[in-house]
PDB file of N, CA and C in Angstrom:
ATOM      1  N   MET A   1       0.836  -1.179   0.000  1.00  0.00           N
ATOM      2  CA  MET A   1       0.000   0.000   0.000  1.00  0.00           C
ATOM      3  C   MET A   1       0.881   1.243   0.000  1.00  0.00           C
ATOM      4  N   THR A   2       0.567   2.169  -0.866  1.00  0.00           N
ATOM      5  CA  THR A   2       1.276   3.438  -0.907  1.00  0.00           C
ATOM      6  C   THR A   2       0.311   4.554  -0.521  1.00  0.00           C
ATOM      7  N   TRP A   3       0.826   5.588   0.123  1.00  0.00           N
ATOM      8  CA  TRP A   3      -0.033   6.656   0.608  1.00  0.00           C
ATOM      9  C   TRP A   3       0.742   7.957   0.733  1.00  0.00           C
ATOM     10  N   ARG A   4      -0.024   9.030   0.877  1.00  0.00           N
ATOM     11  CA  ARG A   4       0.529  10.362   1.128  1.00  0.00           C
ATOM     12  C   ARG A   4      -0.287  10.986   2.250  1.00  0.00           C
ATOM     13  N   ALA A   5       0.398  11.428   3.311  1.00  0.00           N
ATOM     14  CA  ALA A   5      -0.258  12.049   4.453  1.00  0.00           C
ATOM     15  C   ALA A   5       0.229  13.483   4.595  1.00  0.00           C
ATOM     16  N   THR A   6      -0.684  14.366   4.964  1.00  0.00           N
ATOM     17  CA  THR A   6      -0.347  15.769   5.182  1.00  0.00           C
ATOM     18  C   THR A   6      -0.641  16.110   6.637  1.00  0.00           C
ATOM     19  N   THR A   7       0.282  16.849   7.263  1.00  0.00           N
ATOM     20  CA  THR A   7       0.121  17.237   8.664  1.00  0.00           C
ATOM     21  C   THR A   7      -0.504  18.624   8.760  1.00  0.00           C
ATOM     22  N   GLU A   8      -0.871  19.011   9.973  1.00  0.00           N
ATOM     23  CA  GLU A   8      -1.475  20.325  10.176  1.00  0.00           C
ATOM     24  C   GLU A   8      -0.509  21.463   9.876  1.00  0.00           C
ATOM     25  N   THR A   9       0.790  21.195   9.868  1.00  0.00           N
ATOM     26  CA  THR A   9       1.765  22.235   9.529  1.00  0.00           C
ATOM     27  C   THR A   9       2.123  22.236   8.044  1.00  0.00           C
ATOM     28  N   GLY A  10       1.535  21.298   7.277  1.00  0.00           N
ATOM     29  CA  GLY A  10       1.780  21.249   5.843  1.00  0.00           C
ATOM     30  C   GLY A  10       2.876  20.294   5.411  1.00  0.00           C
ATOM     31  N   THR A  11       3.544  19.669   6.345  1.00  0.00           N
ATOM     32  CA  THR A  11       4.555  18.666   6.001  1.00  0.00           C
ATOM     33  C   THR A  11       3.858  17.449   5.407  1.00  0.00           C
ATOM     34  N   THR A  12       4.475  16.848   4.395  1.00  0.00           N
ATOM     35  CA  THR A  12       3.909  15.639   3.808  1.00  0.00           C
ATOM     36  C   THR A  12       4.836  14.458   4.064  1.00  0.00           C
ATOM     37  N   TYR A  13       4.214  13.319   4.290  1.00  0.00           N
ATOM     38  CA  TYR A  13       4.889  12.035   4.432  1.00  0.00           C
ATOM     39  C   TYR A  13       4.335  11.167   3.321  1.00  0.00           C
ATOM     40  N   GLU A  14       5.213  10.708   2.426  1.00  0.00           N
ATOM     41  CA  GLU A  14       4.756   9.915   1.289  1.00  0.00           C
ATOM     42  C   GLU A  14       5.499   8.583   1.268  1.00  0.00           C
ATOM     43  N   TYR A  15       4.725   7.487   1.305  1.00  0.00           N
ATOM     44  CA  TYR A  15       5.301   6.142   1.326  1.00  0.00           C
ATOM     45  C   TYR A  15       5.078   5.477  -0.014  1.00  0.00           C
ATOM     46  N   ASP A  16       6.161   5.018  -0.637  1.00  0.00           N
ATOM     47  CA  ASP A  16       6.073   4.396  -1.964  1.00  0.00           C
ATOM     48  C   ASP A  16       6.198   2.876  -1.912  1.00  0.00           C
ATOM     49  N   GLY A  17       6.149   2.323  -0.712  1.00  0.00           N
ATOM     50  CA  GLY A  17       6.324   0.884  -0.551  1.00  0.00           C
ATOM     51  C   GLY A  17       7.726   0.518  -0.097  1.00  0.00           C
ATOM     52  N   HIS A  18       8.675   1.472  -0.209  1.00  0.00           N
ATOM     53  CA  HIS A  18      10.059   1.228   0.189  1.00  0.00           C
ATOM     54  C   HIS A  18      10.635   2.346   1.060  1.00  0.00           C
ATOM     55  N   LEU A  19      10.316   3.588   0.723  1.00  0.00           N
ATOM     56  CA  LEU A  19      10.843   4.753   1.434  1.00  0.00           C
ATOM     57  C   LEU A  19       9.712   5.666   1.873  1.00  0.00           C
ATOM     58  N   VAL A  20       9.945   6.405   2.966  1.00  0.00           N
ATOM     59  CA  VAL A  20       9.036   7.478   3.368  1.00  0.00           C
ATOM     60  C   VAL A  20       9.739   8.778   3.035  1.00  0.00           C
ATOM     61  N   LYS A  21       9.176   9.523   2.084  1.00  0.00           N
ATOM     62  CA  LYS A  21       9.724  10.828   1.715  1.00  0.00           C
ATOM     63  C   LYS A  21       9.004  11.885   2.539  1.00  0.00           C
ATOM     64  N   ILE A  22       9.766  12.713   3.243  1.00  0.00           N
ATOM     65  CA  ILE A  22       9.214  13.756   4.101  1.00  0.00           C
ATOM     66  C   ILE A  22       9.573  15.097   3.477  1.00  0.00           C
ATOM     67  N   THR A  23       8.547  15.895   3.200  1.00  0.00           N
ATOM     68  CA  THR A  23       8.758  17.193   2.573  1.00  0.00           C
ATOM     69  C   THR A  23       8.167  18.276   3.461  1.00  0.00           C
ATOM     70  N   SER A  24       8.998  19.271   3.803  1.00  0.00           N
ATOM     71  CA  SER A  24       8.547  20.378   4.643  1.00  0.00           C
ATOM     72  C   SER A  24       9.259  21.643   4.202  1.00  0.00           C
ATOM     73  N   ASP A  25       9.003  22.739   4.924  1.00  0.00           N
ATOM     74  CA  ASP A  25       9.699  23.991   4.625  1.00  0.00           C
ATOM     75  C   ASP A  25      11.204  23.843   4.765  1.00  0.00           C
ATOM     76  N   GLY A  26      11.632  22.911   5.598  1.00  0.00           N
ATOM     77  CA  GLY A  26      13.060  22.686   5.825  1.00  0.00           C
ATOM     78  C   GLY A  26      13.730  21.848   4.760  1.00  0.00           C
ATOM     79  N   GLY A  27      12.990  21.386   3.780  1.00  0.00           N
ATOM     80  CA  GLY A  27      13.571  20.589   2.712  1.00  0.00           C
ATOM     81  C   GLY A  27      12.879  19.258   2.530  1.00  0.00           C
ATOM     82  N   GLU A  28      13.595  18.358   1.874  1.00  0.00           N
ATOM     83  CA  GLU A  28      13.051  17.047   1.553  1.00  0.00           C
ATOM     84  C   GLU A  28      14.101  15.997   1.871  1.00  0.00           C
ATOM     85  N   TYR A  29      13.690  14.907   2.485  1.00  0.00           N
ATOM     86  CA  TYR A  29      14.588  13.802   2.754  1.00  0.00           C
ATOM     87  C   TYR A  29      13.766  12.531   2.857  1.00  0.00           C
ATOM     88  N   SER A  30      14.440  11.408   2.839  1.00  0.00           N
ATOM     89  CA  SER A  30      13.759  10.117   2.880  1.00  0.00           C
ATOM     90  C   SER A  30      14.326   9.245   3.987  1.00  0.00           C
ATOM     91  N   ILE A  31      13.467   8.394   4.518  1.00  0.00           N
ATOM     92  CA  ILE A  31      13.851   7.410   5.519  1.00  0.00           C
ATOM     93  C   ILE A  31      13.425   6.040   5.010  1.00  0.00           C
ATOM     94  N   LYS A  32      14.349   5.087   5.024  1.00  0.00           N
ATOM     95  CA  LYS A  32      13.971   3.698   4.756  1.00  0.00           C
ATOM     96  C   LYS A  32      13.428   3.162   6.075  1.00  0.00           C
ATOM     97  N   PRO A  33      12.114   2.942   6.169  1.00  0.00           N
ATOM     98  CA  PRO A  33      11.517   2.655   7.471  1.00  0.00           C
ATOM     99  C   PRO A  33      11.827   1.263   8.002  1.00  0.00           C
ATOM    100  N   TRP A  34      12.263   1.250   9.250  1.00  0.00           N
ATOM    101  CA  TRP A  34      12.359   0.011  10.011  1.00  0.00           C
ATOM    102  C   TRP A  34      11.093  -0.142  10.828  1.00  0.00           C
ATOM    103  N   LEU A  35      10.540   0.990  11.263  1.00  0.00           N
ATOM    104  CA  LEU A  35       9.353   0.982  12.096  1.00  0.00           C
ATOM    105  C   LEU A  35       8.487   2.183  11.736  1.00  0.00           C
ATOM    106  N   MET A  36       7.196   1.949  11.534  1.00  0.00           N
ATOM    107  CA  MET A  36       6.234   3.014  11.281  1.00  0.00           C
ATOM    108  C   MET A  36       5.004   2.709  12.118  1.00  0.00           C
ATOM    109  N   MET A  37       4.436   3.738  12.740  1.00  0.00           N
ATOM    110  CA  MET A  37       3.209   3.525  13.494  1.00  0.00           C
ATOM    111  C   MET A  37       2.497   4.843  13.737  1.00  0.00           C
ATOM    112  N   SER A  38       1.224   4.718  14.052  1.00  0.00           N
ATOM    113  CA  SER A  38       0.387   5.867  14.351  1.00  0.00           C
ATOM    114  C   SER A  38       0.260   5.998  15.862  1.00  0.00           C
ATOM    115  N   ALA A  39       0.191   7.235  16.347  1.00  0.00           N
ATOM    116  CA  ALA A  39       0.079   7.477  17.793  1.00  0.00           C
ATOM    117  C   ALA A  39      -0.954   8.561  18.036  1.00  0.00           C
ATOM    118  N   PRO A  40      -1.808   8.388  19.040  1.00  0.00           N
ATOM    119  CA  PRO A  40      -2.816   9.401  19.323  1.00  0.00           C
ATOM    120  C   PRO A  40      -2.187  10.711  19.767  1.00  0.00           C
ATOM    121  N   GLN A  41      -2.881  11.789  19.556  1.00  0.00           N
ATOM    122  CA  GLN A  41      -2.429  13.112  19.968  1.00  0.00           C
ATOM    123  C   GLN A  41      -2.620  13.245  21.477  1.00  0.00           C
ATOM    124  N   THR A  42      -1.528  13.389  22.213  1.00  0.00           N
ATOM    125  CA  THR A  42      -1.602  13.571  23.662  1.00  0.00           C
ATOM    126  C   THR A  42      -0.612  14.651  24.069  1.00  0.00           C
ATOM    127  N   ASP A  43      -0.790  15.184  25.269  1.00  0.00           N
ATOM    128  CA  ASP A  43       0.133  16.195  25.771  1.00  0.00           C
ATOM    129  C   ASP A  43       1.455  15.606  26.216  1.00  0.00           C
ATOM    130  N   ASP A  44       1.449  14.330  26.565  1.00  0.00           N
ATOM    131  CA  ASP A  44       2.664  13.701  27.085  1.00  0.00           C
ATOM    132  C   ASP A  44       3.199  12.621  26.154  1.00  0.00           C
ATOM    133  N   LEU A  45       3.101  12.846  24.857  1.00  0.00           N
ATOM    134  CA  LEU A  45       3.539  11.865  23.869  1.00  0.00           C
ATOM    135  C   LEU A  45       5.025  11.569  24.015  1.00  0.00           C
ATOM    136  N   MET A  46       5.348  10.289  24.102  1.00  0.00           N
ATOM    137  CA  MET A  46       6.740   9.856  24.184  1.00  0.00           C
ATOM    138  C   MET A  46       7.031   8.942  23.001  1.00  0.00           C
ATOM    139  N   VAL A  47       8.297   8.822  22.668  1.00  0.00           N
ATOM    140  CA  VAL A  47       8.679   7.876  21.626  1.00  0.00           C
ATOM    141  C   VAL A  47       8.441   6.469  22.151  1.00  0.00           C
ATOM    142  N   PRO A  48       8.203   5.497  21.289  1.00  0.00           N
ATOM    143  CA  PRO A  48       7.772   4.172  21.746  1.00  0.00           C
ATOM    144  C   PRO A  48       8.735   3.493  22.704  1.00  0.00           C
ATOM    145  N   TRP A  49      10.050   3.680  22.526  1.00  0.00           N
ATOM    146  CA  TRP A  49      10.988   2.978  23.387  1.00  0.00           C
ATOM    147  C   TRP A  49      11.032   3.542  24.815  1.00  0.00           C
ATOM    148  N   ALA A  50      10.322   4.630  25.078  1.00  0.00           N
ATOM    149  CA  ALA A  50      10.258   5.193  26.426  1.00  0.00           C
ATOM    150  C   ALA A  50       9.287   4.411  27.324  1.00  0.00           C
ATOM    151  N   TYR A  51       8.473   3.558  26.740  1.00  0.00           N
ATOM    152  CA  TYR A  51       7.502   2.807  27.525  1.00  0.00           C
ATOM    153  C   TYR A  51       8.135   1.578  28.163  1.00  0.00           C
ATOM    154  N   GLU A  52       7.710   1.284  29.369  1.00  0.00           N
ATOM    155  CA  GLU A  52       8.215   0.108  30.079  1.00  0.00           C
ATOM    156  C   GLU A  52       7.882  -1.154  29.284  1.00  0.00           C
ATOM    157  N   GLY A  53       8.843  -2.011  29.140  1.00  0.00           N
ATOM    158  CA  GLY A  53       8.635  -3.265  28.429  1.00  0.00           C
ATOM    159  C   GLY A  53       8.811  -3.160  26.925  1.00  0.00           C
ATOM    160  N   TRP A  54       9.259  -2.015  26.415  1.00  0.00           N
ATOM    161  CA  TRP A  54       9.418  -1.844  24.963  1.00  0.00           C
ATOM    162  C   TRP A  54      10.378  -2.896  24.386  1.00  0.00           C
ATOM    163  N   ALA A  55      11.518  -3.080  25.012  1.00  0.00           N
ATOM    164  CA  ALA A  55      12.533  -3.988  24.473  1.00  0.00           C
ATOM    165  C   ALA A  55      12.036  -5.422  24.388  1.00  0.00           C
ATOM    166  N   SER A  56      11.225  -5.847  25.348  1.00  0.00           N
ATOM    167  CA  SER A  56      10.740  -7.225  25.354  1.00  0.00           C
ATOM    168  C   SER A  56       9.499  -7.418  24.489  1.00  0.00           C
ATOM    169  N   GLY A  57       8.920  -6.317  24.022  1.00  0.00           N
ATOM    170  CA  GLY A  57       7.703  -6.407  23.217  1.00  0.00           C
ATOM    171  C   GLY A  57       6.451  -6.564  24.048  1.00  0.00           C
ATOM    172  N   GLU A  58       6.566  -6.409  25.352  1.00  0.00           N
ATOM    173  CA  GLU A  58       5.426  -6.598  26.244  1.00  0.00           C
ATOM    174  C   GLU A  58       4.885  -5.270  26.785  1.00  0.00           C
ATOM    175  N   TYR A  59       5.165  -4.179  26.086  1.00  0.00           N
ATOM    176  CA  TYR A  59       4.743  -2.880  26.593  1.00  0.00           C
ATOM    177  C   TYR A  59       3.254  -2.635  26.330  1.00  0.00           C
ATOM    178  N   LYS A  60       2.698  -1.754  27.130  1.00  0.00           N
ATOM    179  CA  LYS A  60       1.325  -1.303  26.909  1.00  0.00           C
ATOM    180  C   LYS A  60       1.401   0.192  26.677  1.00  0.00           C
ATOM    181  N   SER A  61       0.984   0.632  25.542  1.00  0.00           N
ATOM    182  CA  SER A  61       1.065   2.050  25.211  1.00  0.00           C
ATOM    183  C   SER A  61      -0.105   2.429  24.317  1.00  0.00           C
ATOM    184  N   PRO A  62      -0.309   3.714  24.118  1.00  0.00           N
ATOM    185  CA  PRO A  62      -1.375   4.146  23.214  1.00  0.00           C
ATOM    186  C   PRO A  62      -0.993   4.013  21.741  1.00  0.00           C
ATOM    187  N   TRP A  63       0.239   3.627  21.458  1.00  0.00           N
ATOM    188  CA  TRP A  63       0.686   3.520  20.074  1.00  0.00           C
ATOM    189  C   TRP A  63      -0.040   2.382  19.374  1.00  0.00           C
ATOM    190  N   ARG A  64      -0.334   2.582  18.136  1.00  0.00           N
ATOM    191  CA  ARG A  64      -1.058   1.580  17.354  1.00  0.00           C
ATOM    192  C   ARG A  64      -0.091   0.755  16.519  1.00  0.00           C
ATOM    193  N   SER A  65      -0.504  -0.438  16.193  1.00  0.00           N
ATOM    194  CA  SER A  65       0.335  -1.282  15.356  1.00  0.00           C
ATOM    195  C   SER A  65       0.120  -0.977  13.869  1.00  0.00           C
ATOM    196  N   ARG A  66      -0.780  -0.045  13.565  1.00  0.00           N
ATOM    197  CA  ARG A  66      -1.005   0.326  12.157  1.00  0.00           C
ATOM    198  C   ARG A  66       0.228   0.967  11.568  1.00  0.00           C
ATOM    199  N   ARG A  67       0.584   0.563  10.379  1.00  0.00           N
ATOM    200  CA  ARG A  67       1.746   1.131   9.694  1.00  0.00           C
ATOM    201  C   ARG A  67       1.372   2.367   8.884  1.00  0.00           C
ATOM    202  N   GLU A  68       0.093   2.649   8.732  1.00  0.00           N
ATOM    203  CA  GLU A  68      -0.337   3.809   7.968  1.00  0.00           C
ATOM    204  C   GLU A  68      -0.728   4.939   8.927  1.00  0.00           C
ATOM    205  N   PRO A  69      -0.589   6.185   8.480  1.00  0.00           N
ATOM    206  CA  PRO A  69      -1.024   7.306   9.314  1.00  0.00           C
ATOM    207  C   PRO A  69      -2.544   7.309   9.477  1.00  0.00           C
ATOM    208  N   VAL A  70      -3.015   7.910  10.566  1.00  0.00           N
ATOM    209  CA  VAL A  70      -4.437   8.024  10.868  1.00  0.00           C
ATOM    210  C   VAL A  70      -4.758   9.497  11.064  1.00  0.00           C
ATOM    211  N   VAL A  71      -5.797   9.982  10.406  1.00  0.00           N
ATOM    212  CA  VAL A  71      -6.196  11.382  10.549  1.00  0.00           C
ATOM    213  C   VAL A  71      -6.484  11.680  12.018  1.00  0.00           C
ATOM    214  N   GLY A  72      -5.929  12.797  12.502  1.00  0.00           N
ATOM    215  CA  GLY A  72      -6.106  13.206  13.890  1.00  0.00           C
ATOM    216  C   GLY A  72      -5.032  12.688  14.826  1.00  0.00           C
ATOM    217  N   GLU A  73      -4.184  11.779  14.350  1.00  0.00           N
ATOM    218  CA  GLU A  73      -3.109  11.236  15.160  1.00  0.00           C
ATOM    219  C   GLU A  73      -1.766  11.686  14.604  1.00  0.00           C
ATOM    220  N   ARG A  74      -0.717  11.413  15.336  1.00  0.00           N
ATOM    221  CA  ARG A  74       0.639  11.685  14.862  1.00  0.00           C
ATOM    222  C   ARG A  74       1.170  10.444  14.157  1.00  0.00           C
ATOM    223  N   PHE A  75       2.192  10.634  13.328  1.00  0.00           N
ATOM    224  CA  PHE A  75       2.796   9.513  12.622  1.00  0.00           C
ATOM    225  C   PHE A  75       4.271   9.446  12.985  1.00  0.00           C
ATOM    226  N   TYR A  76       4.730   8.256  13.335  1.00  0.00           N
ATOM    227  CA  TYR A  76       6.115   8.021  13.724  1.00  0.00           C
ATOM    228  C   TYR A  76       6.766   7.111  12.698  1.00  0.00           C
ATOM    229  N   VAL A  77       7.963   7.483  12.250  1.00  0.00           N
ATOM    230  CA  VAL A  77       8.729   6.628  11.346  1.00  0.00           C
ATOM    231  C   VAL A  77      10.189   6.671  11.799  1.00  0.00           C
ATOM    232  N   SER A  78      10.826   5.494  11.816  1.00  0.00           N
ATOM    233  CA  SER A  78      12.244   5.439  12.157  1.00  0.00           C
ATOM    234  C   SER A  78      12.959   4.517  11.192  1.00  0.00           C
ATOM    235  N   GLY A  79      14.214   4.851  10.965  1.00  0.00           N
ATOM    236  CA  GLY A  79      15.096   4.044  10.138  1.00  0.00           C
ATOM    237  C   GLY A  79      16.339   3.705  10.923  1.00  0.00           C
ATOM    238  N   ARG A  80      17.400   3.421  10.226  1.00  0.00           N
ATOM    239  CA  ARG A  80      18.641   3.038  10.902  1.00  0.00           C
ATOM    240  C   ARG A  80      19.256   4.184  11.694  1.00  0.00           C
ATOM    241  N   ASP A  81      19.264   5.378  11.121  1.00  0.00           N
ATOM    242  CA  ASP A  81      19.995   6.488  11.724  1.00  0.00           C
ATOM    243  C   ASP A  81      19.141   7.650  12.210  1.00  0.00           C
ATOM    244  N   GLU A  82      17.845   7.622  11.964  1.00  0.00           N
ATOM    245  CA  GLU A  82      17.027   8.753  12.369  1.00  0.00           C
ATOM    246  C   GLU A  82      15.578   8.357  12.552  1.00  0.00           C
ATOM    247  N   TRP A  83      14.818   9.245  13.180  1.00  0.00           N
ATOM    248  CA  TRP A  83      13.392   9.043  13.362  1.00  0.00           C
ATOM    249  C   TRP A  83      12.700  10.390  13.314  1.00  0.00           C
ATOM    250  N   ARG A  84      11.420  10.365  12.996  1.00  0.00           N
ATOM    251  CA  ARG A  84      10.595  11.571  12.965  1.00  0.00           C
ATOM    252  C   ARG A  84       9.226  11.238  13.527  1.00  0.00           C
ATOM    253  N   ILE A  85       8.637  12.224  14.202  1.00  0.00           N
ATOM    254  CA  ILE A  85       7.250  12.126  14.628  1.00  0.00           C
ATOM    255  C   ILE A  85       6.555  13.395  14.163  1.00  0.00           C
ATOM    256  N   SER A  86       5.405  13.236  13.564  1.00  0.00           N
ATOM    257  CA  SER A  86       4.721  14.352  12.919  1.00  0.00           C
ATOM    258  C   SER A  86       3.837  15.133  13.889  1.00  0.00           C
ATOM    259  N   THR A  87       3.418  16.298  13.429  1.00  0.00           N
ATOM    260  CA  THR A  87       2.295  16.980  14.060  1.00  0.00           C
ATOM    261  C   THR A  87       1.055  16.213  13.609  1.00  0.00           C
ATOM    262  N   PRO A  88      -0.127  16.501  14.146  1.00  0.00           N
ATOM    263  CA  PRO A  88      -1.314  15.714  13.774  1.00  0.00           C
ATOM    264  C   PRO A  88      -1.565  15.675  12.256  1.00  0.00           C
ATOM    265  N   ILE A  89      -1.973  14.498  11.812  1.00  0.00           N
ATOM    266  CA  ILE A  89      -2.283  14.265  10.393  1.00  0.00           C
ATOM    267  C   ILE A  89      -3.677  14.830  10.093  1.00  0.00           C
ATOM    268  N   VAL A  90      -3.785  15.585   8.984  1.00  0.00           N
ATOM    269  CA  VAL A  90      -5.081  16.144   8.592  1.00  0.00           C
ATOM    270  C   VAL A  90      -5.682  15.448   7.384  1.00  0.00           C
ATOM    271  N   SER A  91      -4.850  14.766   6.581  1.00  0.00           N
ATOM    272  CA  SER A  91      -5.395  14.022   5.445  1.00  0.00           C
ATOM    273  C   SER A  91      -4.476  12.879   5.067  1.00  0.00           C
ATOM    274  N   VAL A  92      -5.081  11.805   4.592  1.00  0.00           N
ATOM    275  CA  VAL A  92      -4.334  10.652   4.077  1.00  0.00           C
ATOM    276  C   VAL A  92      -5.008  10.242   2.782  1.00  0.00           C
ATOM    277  N   GLU A  93      -4.203  10.058   1.753  1.00  0.00           N
ATOM    278  CA  GLU A  93      -4.751   9.624   0.463  1.00  0.00           C
ATOM    279  C   GLU A  93      -3.870   8.540  -0.123  1.00  0.00           C
ATOM    280  N   ASP A  94      -4.445   7.699  -0.956  1.00  0.00           N
ATOM    281  CA  ASP A  94      -3.682   6.680  -1.641  1.00  0.00           C
ATOM    282  C   ASP A  94      -2.804   7.345  -2.703  1.00  0.00           C
ATOM    283  N   SER A  95      -1.586   6.838  -2.866  1.00  0.00           N
ATOM    284  CA  SER A  95      -0.694   7.310  -3.907  1.00  0.00           C
ATOM    285  C   SER A  95      -0.712   6.325  -5.057  1.00  0.00           C
ATOM    286  N   PRO A  96      -0.582   6.830  -6.266  1.00  0.00           N
ATOM    287  CA  PRO A  96      -0.552   5.918  -7.411  1.00  0.00           C
ATOM    288  C   PRO A  96       0.725   5.120  -7.481  1.00  0.00           C
TER     289      PRO A  96
END
């Protein structure tokens, strides 16, 4: 599945099946995703590895196992050397 998501700040995250291309006012770059997930909008949002039991896979967190962004939630993507978490997603559409 390929998709394009836009955040409330206008940044786009576009997944082509292999890379996530992130385009914002600061430029454009890509991440080969090792991990992608959607997270609800909260005041105390933490990265997934901050939760107890993350390493063992037994953690309980609000993070979803969905690999696609969800409107109204934040989107997290990480690769080998970097990670990004978005502002809330306002639209998601299928990419050709």
